[in-house]
Amino acid sequence: MPFVHITTWPAKNESEITGLQEDITLAVHKNTGAPLDKISVVITEIEPSRWADAGVPGNHKEFPVKSRRKSYEE
């Protein structure tokens, strides 16, 4: 029984989540042959303030730039 767990920032609307669940289920079924009723997909949404890339919280105003840094000197 395939179990897929996706962690992401909150979706803008419910259709994003259901579309993602359907697409992931199809990909798992297509690539493994697992029956649809045996594929579980769980989506966990995390607030940007609880997520960091390169030590920069996702709600930081300069996140798109600072989260790409390679050192603390940048």
PDB file of N, CA and C in Angstrom:
ATOM      1  N   MET A   1       0.841  -1.183   0.000  1.00  0.00           N
ATOM      2  CA  MET A   1       0.000   0.000   0.000  1.00  0.00           C
ATOM      3  C   MET A   1       0.884   1.243   0.000  1.00  0.00           C
ATOM      4  N   PRO A   2       0.980   1.964  -1.108  1.00  0.00           N
ATOM      5  CA  PRO A   2       1.764   3.204  -1.143  1.00  0.00           C
ATOM      6  C   PRO A   2       1.139   4.283  -0.260  1.00  0.00           C
ATOM      7  N   PHE A   3       1.996   4.951   0.486  1.00  0.00           N
ATOM      8  CA  PHE A   3       1.588   6.065   1.347  1.00  0.00           C
ATOM      9  C   PHE A   3       2.491   7.231   1.009  1.00  0.00           C
ATOM     10  N   VAL A   4       1.908   8.315   0.505  1.00  0.00           N
ATOM     11  CA  VAL A   4       2.682   9.488   0.085  1.00  0.00           C
ATOM     12  C   VAL A   4       2.324  10.643   1.017  1.00  0.00           C
ATOM     13  N   HIS A   5       3.348  11.287   1.589  1.00  0.00           N
ATOM     14  CA  HIS A   5       3.141  12.425   2.489  1.00  0.00           C
ATOM     15  C   HIS A   5       3.835  13.639   1.885  1.00  0.00           C
ATOM     16  N   ILE A   6       3.064  14.664   1.589  1.00  0.00           N
ATOM     17  CA  ILE A   6       3.571  15.918   1.019  1.00  0.00           C
ATOM     18  C   ILE A   6       3.439  17.000   2.085  1.00  0.00           C
ATOM     19  N   THR A   7       4.494  17.767   2.278  1.00  0.00           N
ATOM     20  CA  THR A   7       4.465  18.903   3.192  1.00  0.00           C
ATOM     21  C   THR A   7       4.638  20.167   2.357  1.00  0.00           C
ATOM     22  N   THR A   8       3.753  21.134   2.541  1.00  0.00           N
ATOM     23  CA  THR A   8       3.777  22.344   1.729  1.00  0.00           C
ATOM     24  C   THR A   8       3.224  23.530   2.508  1.00  0.00           C
ATOM     25  N   TRP A   9       3.400  24.717   1.949  1.00  0.00           N
ATOM     26  CA  TRP A   9       2.757  25.895   2.517  1.00  0.00           C
ATOM     27  C   TRP A   9       1.265  25.788   2.246  1.00  0.00           C
ATOM     28  N   PRO A  10       0.434  26.548   2.976  1.00  0.00           N
ATOM     29  CA  PRO A  10      -1.011  26.483   2.765  1.00  0.00           C
ATOM     30  C   PRO A  10      -1.387  26.781   1.306  1.00  0.00           C
ATOM     31  N   ALA A  11      -2.345  26.025   0.812  1.00  0.00           N
ATOM     32  CA  ALA A  11      -2.832  26.215  -0.554  1.00  0.00           C
ATOM     33  C   ALA A  11      -3.723  27.451  -0.626  1.00  0.00           C
ATOM     34  N   LYS A  12      -3.829  28.004  -1.819  1.00  0.00           N
ATOM     35  CA  LYS A  12      -4.686  29.175  -1.998  1.00  0.00           C
ATOM     36  C   LYS A  12      -6.161  28.794  -1.965  1.00  0.00           C
ATOM     37  N   ASN A  13      -6.463  27.575  -2.438  1.00  0.00           N
ATOM     38  CA  ASN A  13      -7.853  27.114  -2.408  1.00  0.00           C
ATOM     39  C   ASN A  13      -7.875  25.585  -2.370  1.00  0.00           C
ATOM     40  N   GLU A  14      -9.027  25.055  -2.049  1.00  0.00           N
ATOM     41  CA  GLU A  14      -9.166  23.608  -1.873  1.00  0.00           C
ATOM     42  C   GLU A  14      -8.916  22.833  -3.163  1.00  0.00           C
ATOM     43  N   SER A  15      -9.205  23.440  -4.311  1.00  0.00           N
ATOM     44  CA  SER A  15      -9.010  22.730  -5.582  1.00  0.00           C
ATOM     45  C   SER A  15      -7.532  22.439  -5.843  1.00  0.00           C
ATOM     46  N   GLU A  16      -6.629  23.253  -5.310  1.00  0.00           N
ATOM     47  CA  GLU A  16      -5.197  22.962  -5.433  1.00  0.00           C
ATOM     48  C   GLU A  16      -4.855  21.652  -4.719  1.00  0.00           C
ATOM     49  N   ILE A  17      -5.423  21.463  -3.555  1.00  0.00           N
ATOM     50  CA  ILE A  17      -5.148  20.262  -2.769  1.00  0.00           C
ATOM     51  C   ILE A  17      -5.739  19.034  -3.451  1.00  0.00           C
ATOM     52  N   THR A  18      -6.987  19.102  -3.853  1.00  0.00           N
ATOM     53  CA  THR A  18      -7.608  17.933  -4.485  1.00  0.00           C
ATOM     54  C   THR A  18      -6.931  17.597  -5.809  1.00  0.00           C
ATOM     55  N   GLY A  19      -6.528  18.617  -6.565  1.00  0.00           N
ATOM     56  CA  GLY A  19      -5.809  18.360  -7.813  1.00  0.00           C
ATOM     57  C   GLY A  19      -4.476  17.685  -7.565  1.00  0.00           C
ATOM     58  N   LEU A  20      -3.769  18.140  -6.540  1.00  0.00           N
ATOM     59  CA  LEU A  20      -2.486  17.541  -6.183  1.00  0.00           C
ATOM     60  C   LEU A  20      -2.673  16.087  -5.745  1.00  0.00           C
ATOM     61  N   GLN A  21      -3.681  15.834  -4.940  1.00  0.00           N
ATOM     62  CA  GLN A  21      -3.955  14.464  -4.491  1.00  0.00           C
ATOM     63  C   GLN A  21      -4.271  13.548  -5.676  1.00  0.00           C
ATOM     64  N   GLU A  22      -5.085  14.021  -6.603  1.00  0.00           N
ATOM     65  CA  GLU A  22      -5.435  13.225  -7.776  1.00  0.00           C
ATOM     66  C   GLU A  22      -4.222  12.959  -8.655  1.00  0.00           C
ATOM     67  N   ASP A  23      -3.417  13.993  -8.908  1.00  0.00           N
ATOM     68  CA  ASP A  23      -2.241  13.831  -9.769  1.00  0.00           C
ATOM     69  C   ASP A  23      -1.209  12.887  -9.161  1.00  0.00           C
ATOM     70  N   ILE A  24      -0.991  12.996  -7.856  1.00  0.00           N
ATOM     71  CA  ILE A  24      -0.031  12.119  -7.182  1.00  0.00           C
ATOM     72  C   ILE A  24      -0.540  10.675  -7.203  1.00  0.00           C
ATOM     73  N   THR A  25      -1.828  10.492  -6.946  1.00  0.00           N
ATOM     74  CA  THR A  25      -2.406   9.149  -6.987  1.00  0.00           C
ATOM     75  C   THR A  25      -2.223   8.539  -8.370  1.00  0.00           C
ATOM     76  N   LEU A  26      -2.499   9.293  -9.411  1.00  0.00           N
ATOM     77  CA  LEU A  26      -2.338   8.801 -10.781  1.00  0.00           C
ATOM     78  C   LEU A  26      -0.891   8.418 -11.056  1.00  0.00           C
ATOM     79  N   ALA A  27       0.059   9.265 -10.643  1.00  0.00           N
ATOM     80  CA  ALA A  27       1.479   8.983 -10.877  1.00  0.00           C
ATOM     81  C   ALA A  27       1.920   7.709 -10.166  1.00  0.00           C
ATOM     82  N   VAL A  28       1.475   7.529  -8.922  1.00  0.00           N
ATOM     83  CA  VAL A  28       1.846   6.321  -8.173  1.00  0.00           C
ATOM     84  C   VAL A  28       1.232   5.088  -8.841  1.00  0.00           C
ATOM     85  N   HIS A  29      -0.027   5.187  -9.215  1.00  0.00           N
ATOM     86  CA  HIS A  29      -0.714   4.070  -9.875  1.00  0.00           C
ATOM     87  C   HIS A  29      -0.027   3.717 -11.198  1.00  0.00           C
ATOM     88  N   LYS A  30       0.257   4.731 -11.988  1.00  0.00           N
ATOM     89  CA  LYS A  30       0.880   4.525 -13.303  1.00  0.00           C
ATOM     90  C   LYS A  30       2.262   3.887 -13.189  1.00  0.00           C
ATOM     91  N   ASN A  31       3.027   4.298 -12.202  1.00  0.00           N
ATOM     92  CA  ASN A  31       4.411   3.839 -12.085  1.00  0.00           C
ATOM     93  C   ASN A  31       4.608   2.591 -11.243  1.00  0.00           C
ATOM     94  N   THR A  32       3.614   2.255 -10.405  1.00  0.00           N
ATOM     95  CA  THR A  32       3.770   1.069  -9.554  1.00  0.00           C
ATOM     96  C   THR A  32       2.726  -0.006  -9.840  1.00  0.00           C
ATOM     97  N   GLY A  33       1.632   0.389 -10.469  1.00  0.00           N
ATOM     98  CA  GLY A  33       0.551  -0.552 -10.703  1.00  0.00           C
ATOM     99  C   GLY A  33      -0.314  -0.794  -9.482  1.00  0.00           C
ATOM    100  N   ALA A  34      -0.059  -0.066  -8.400  1.00  0.00           N
ATOM    101  CA  ALA A  34      -0.864  -0.227  -7.181  1.00  0.00           C
ATOM    102  C   ALA A  34      -2.319   0.132  -7.478  1.00  0.00           C
ATOM    103  N   PRO A  35      -3.258  -0.633  -6.924  1.00  0.00           N
ATOM    104  CA  PRO A  35      -4.675  -0.307  -7.103  1.00  0.00           C
ATOM    105  C   PRO A  35      -4.981   1.063  -6.488  1.00  0.00           C
ATOM    106  N   LEU A  36      -5.864   1.809  -7.133  1.00  0.00           N
ATOM    107  CA  LEU A  36      -6.206   3.150  -6.647  1.00  0.00           C
ATOM    108  C   LEU A  36      -6.660   3.145  -5.190  1.00  0.00           C
ATOM    109  N   ASP A  37      -7.442   2.142  -4.805  1.00  0.00           N
ATOM    110  CA  ASP A  37      -7.969   2.127  -3.439  1.00  0.00           C
ATOM    111  C   ASP A  37      -6.930   1.743  -2.391  1.00  0.00           C
ATOM    112  N   LYS A  38      -5.704   1.497  -2.824  1.00  0.00           N
ATOM    113  CA  LYS A  38      -4.626   1.174  -1.887  1.00  0.00           C
ATOM    114  C   LYS A  38      -3.591   2.303  -1.796  1.00  0.00           C
ATOM    115  N   ILE A  39      -3.834   3.399  -2.504  1.00  0.00           N
ATOM    116  CA  ILE A  39      -2.897   4.536  -2.518  1.00  0.00           C
ATOM    117  C   ILE A  39      -3.428   5.633  -1.604  1.00  0.00           C
ATOM    118  N   SER A  40      -2.630   5.997  -0.607  1.00  0.00           N
ATOM    119  CA  SER A  40      -2.995   7.073   0.317  1.00  0.00           C
ATOM    120  C   SER A  40      -2.092   8.271   0.079  1.00  0.00           C
ATOM    121  N   VAL A  41      -2.692   9.462   0.041  1.00  0.00           N
ATOM    122  CA  VAL A  41      -1.941  10.707  -0.124  1.00  0.00           C
ATOM    123  C   VAL A  41      -2.355  11.645   1.007  1.00  0.00           C
ATOM    124  N   VAL A  42      -1.371  12.101   1.770  1.00  0.00           N
ATOM    125  CA  VAL A  42      -1.622  13.019   2.880  1.00  0.00           C
ATOM    126  C   VAL A  42      -0.889  14.323   2.585  1.00  0.00           C
ATOM    127  N   ILE A  43      -1.591  15.431   2.745  1.00  0.00           N
ATOM    128  CA  ILE A  43      -0.999  16.753   2.539  1.00  0.00           C
ATOM    129  C   ILE A  43      -0.990  17.471   3.884  1.00  0.00           C
ATOM    130  N   THR A  44       0.196  17.874   4.316  1.00  0.00           N
ATOM    131  CA  THR A  44       0.343  18.650   5.545  1.00  0.00           C
ATOM    132  C   THR A  44       0.729  20.070   5.148  1.00  0.00           C
ATOM    133  N   GLU A  45      -0.070  21.030   5.593  1.00  0.00           N
ATOM    134  CA  GLU A  45       0.221  22.428   5.294  1.00  0.00           C
ATOM    135  C   GLU A  45       0.898  23.083   6.501  1.00  0.00           C
ATOM    136  N   ILE A  46       1.995  23.783   6.236  1.00  0.00           N
ATOM    137  CA  ILE A  46       2.766  24.434   7.296  1.00  0.00           C
ATOM    138  C   ILE A  46       2.795  25.937   7.027  1.00  0.00           C
ATOM    139  N   GLU A  47       2.530  26.703   8.045  1.00  0.00           N
ATOM    140  CA  GLU A  47       2.575  28.159   7.903  1.00  0.00           C
ATOM    141  C   GLU A  47       3.994  28.599   7.530  1.00  0.00           C
ATOM    142  N   PRO A  48       4.133  29.599   6.668  1.00  0.00           N
ATOM    143  CA  PRO A  48       5.462  30.054   6.256  1.00  0.00           C
ATOM    144  C   PRO A  48       6.381  30.414   7.429  1.00  0.00           C
ATOM    145  N   SER A  49       5.834  30.908   8.516  1.00  0.00           N
ATOM    146  CA  SER A  49       6.667  31.267   9.669  1.00  0.00           C
ATOM    147  C   SER A  49       7.281  30.043  10.344  1.00  0.00           C
ATOM    148  N   ARG A  50       6.775  28.856  10.040  1.00  0.00           N
ATOM    149  CA  ARG A  50       7.288  27.616  10.615  1.00  0.00           C
ATOM    150  C   ARG A  50       8.146  26.833   9.634  1.00  0.00           C
ATOM    151  N   TRP A  51       8.523  27.472   8.531  1.00  0.00           N
ATOM    152  CA  TRP A  51       9.291  26.848   7.453  1.00  0.00           C
ATOM    153  C   TRP A  51      10.467  27.772   7.158  1.00  0.00           C
ATOM    154  N   ALA A  52      11.661  27.241   7.024  1.00  0.00           N
ATOM    155  CA  ALA A  52      12.819  28.076   6.703  1.00  0.00           C
ATOM    156  C   ALA A  52      13.679  27.379   5.654  1.00  0.00           C
ATOM    157  N   ASP A  53      14.211  28.150   4.742  1.00  0.00           N
ATOM    158  CA  ASP A  53      15.221  27.698   3.788  1.00  0.00           C
ATOM    159  C   ASP A  53      16.451  28.564   4.028  1.00  0.00           C
ATOM    160  N   ALA A  54      17.604  27.934   4.126  1.00  0.00           N
ATOM    161  CA  ALA A  54      18.864  28.630   4.399  1.00  0.00           C
ATOM    162  C   ALA A  54      18.780  29.440   5.694  1.00  0.00           C
ATOM    163  N   GLY A  55      17.952  28.982   6.626  1.00  0.00           N
ATOM    164  CA  GLY A  55      17.814  29.651   7.909  1.00  0.00           C
ATOM    165  C   GLY A  55      16.919  30.874   7.892  1.00  0.00           C
ATOM    166  N   VAL A  56      16.236  31.124   6.777  1.00  0.00           N
ATOM    167  CA  VAL A  56      15.381  32.299   6.633  1.00  0.00           C
ATOM    168  C   VAL A  56      13.920  31.848   6.659  1.00  0.00           C
ATOM    169  N   PRO A  57      13.132  32.352   7.627  1.00  0.00           N
ATOM    170  CA  PRO A  57      11.724  31.952   7.694  1.00  0.00           C
ATOM    171  C   PRO A  57      10.955  32.354   6.434  1.00  0.00           C
ATOM    172  N   GLY A  58       9.993  31.541   6.066  1.00  0.00           N
ATOM    173  CA  GLY A  58       9.222  31.772   4.855  1.00  0.00           C
ATOM    174  C   GLY A  58       8.409  33.048   4.857  1.00  0.00           C
ATOM    175  N   ASN A  59       8.139  33.617   6.022  1.00  0.00           N
ATOM    176  CA  ASN A  59       7.378  34.860   6.071  1.00  0.00           C
ATOM    177  C   ASN A  59       8.280  36.100   6.100  1.00  0.00           C
ATOM    178  N   HIS A  60       9.594  35.923   6.005  1.00  0.00           N
ATOM    179  CA  HIS A  60      10.524  37.055   5.970  1.00  0.00           C
ATOM    180  C   HIS A  60      10.303  37.828   4.675  1.00  0.00           C
ATOM    181  N   LYS A  61      10.306  39.157   4.736  1.00  0.00           N
ATOM    182  CA  LYS A  61       9.994  39.964   3.553  1.00  0.00           C
ATOM    183  C   LYS A  61      10.985  39.739   2.411  1.00  0.00           C
ATOM    184  N   GLU A  62      12.210  39.326   2.703  1.00  0.00           N
ATOM    185  CA  GLU A  62      13.207  39.078   1.658  1.00  0.00           C
ATOM    186  C   GLU A  62      13.453  37.584   1.434  1.00  0.00           C
ATOM    187  N   PHE A  63      12.475  36.748   1.801  1.00  0.00           N
ATOM    188  CA  PHE A  63      12.635  35.308   1.673  1.00  0.00           C
ATOM    189  C   PHE A  63      13.054  34.849   0.272  1.00  0.00           C
ATOM    190  N   PRO A  64      12.425  35.341  -0.796  1.00  0.00           N
ATOM    191  CA  PRO A  64      12.806  34.849  -2.130  1.00  0.00           C
ATOM    192  C   PRO A  64      14.296  35.019  -2.449  1.00  0.00           C
ATOM    193  N   VAL A  65      14.918  36.056  -1.928  1.00  0.00           N
ATOM    194  CA  VAL A  65      16.336  36.302  -2.191  1.00  0.00           C
ATOM    195  C   VAL A  65      17.211  35.654  -1.123  1.00  0.00           C
ATOM    196  N   LYS A  66      16.929  35.939   0.137  1.00  0.00           N
ATOM    197  CA  LYS A  66      17.787  35.453   1.221  1.00  0.00           C
ATOM    198  C   LYS A  66      17.773  33.935   1.370  1.00  0.00           C
ATOM    199  N   SER A  67      16.685  33.293   1.001  1.00  0.00           N
ATOM    200  CA  SER A  67      16.616  31.838   1.136  1.00  0.00           C
ATOM    201  C   SER A  67      17.501  31.122   0.121  1.00  0.00           C
ATOM    202  N   ARG A  68      18.073  31.858  -0.818  1.00  0.00           N
ATOM    203  CA  ARG A  68      18.970  31.277  -1.815  1.00  0.00           C
ATOM    204  C   ARG A  68      20.448  31.465  -1.461  1.00  0.00           C
ATOM    205  N   ARG A  69      20.694  32.083  -0.294  1.00  0.00           N
ATOM    206  CA  ARG A  69      22.071  32.368   0.094  1.00  0.00           C
ATOM    207  C   ARG A  69      22.874  31.079   0.290  1.00  0.00           C
ATOM    208  N   LYS A  70      24.173  31.177   0.062  1.00  0.00           N
ATOM    209  CA  LYS A  70      25.077  30.045   0.224  1.00  0.00           C
ATOM    210  C   LYS A  70      25.927  30.164   1.475  1.00  0.00           C
ATOM    211  N   SER A  71      25.964  31.374   2.086  1.00  0.00           N
ATOM    212  CA  SER A  71      26.732  31.589   3.310  1.00  0.00           C
ATOM    213  C   SER A  71      26.043  32.661   4.139  1.00  0.00           C
ATOM    214  N   TYR A  72      26.459  32.789   5.388  1.00  0.00           N
ATOM    215  CA  TYR A  72      25.888  33.805   6.262  1.00  0.00           C
ATOM    216  C   TYR A  72      26.408  35.209   5.941  1.00  0.00           C
ATOM    217  N   GLU A  73      27.446  35.301   5.135  1.00  0.00           N
ATOM    218  CA  GLU A  73      27.999  36.601   4.776  1.00  0.00           C
ATOM    219  C   GLU A  73      27.186  37.295   3.693  1.00  0.00           C
ATOM    220  N   GLU A  74      26.337  36.571   3.016  1.00  0.00           N
ATOM    221  CA  GLU A  74      25.541  37.167   1.921  1.00  0.00           C
ATOM    222  C   GLU A  74      24.416  37.994   2.457  1.00  0.00           C
TER     223      GLU A  74
END
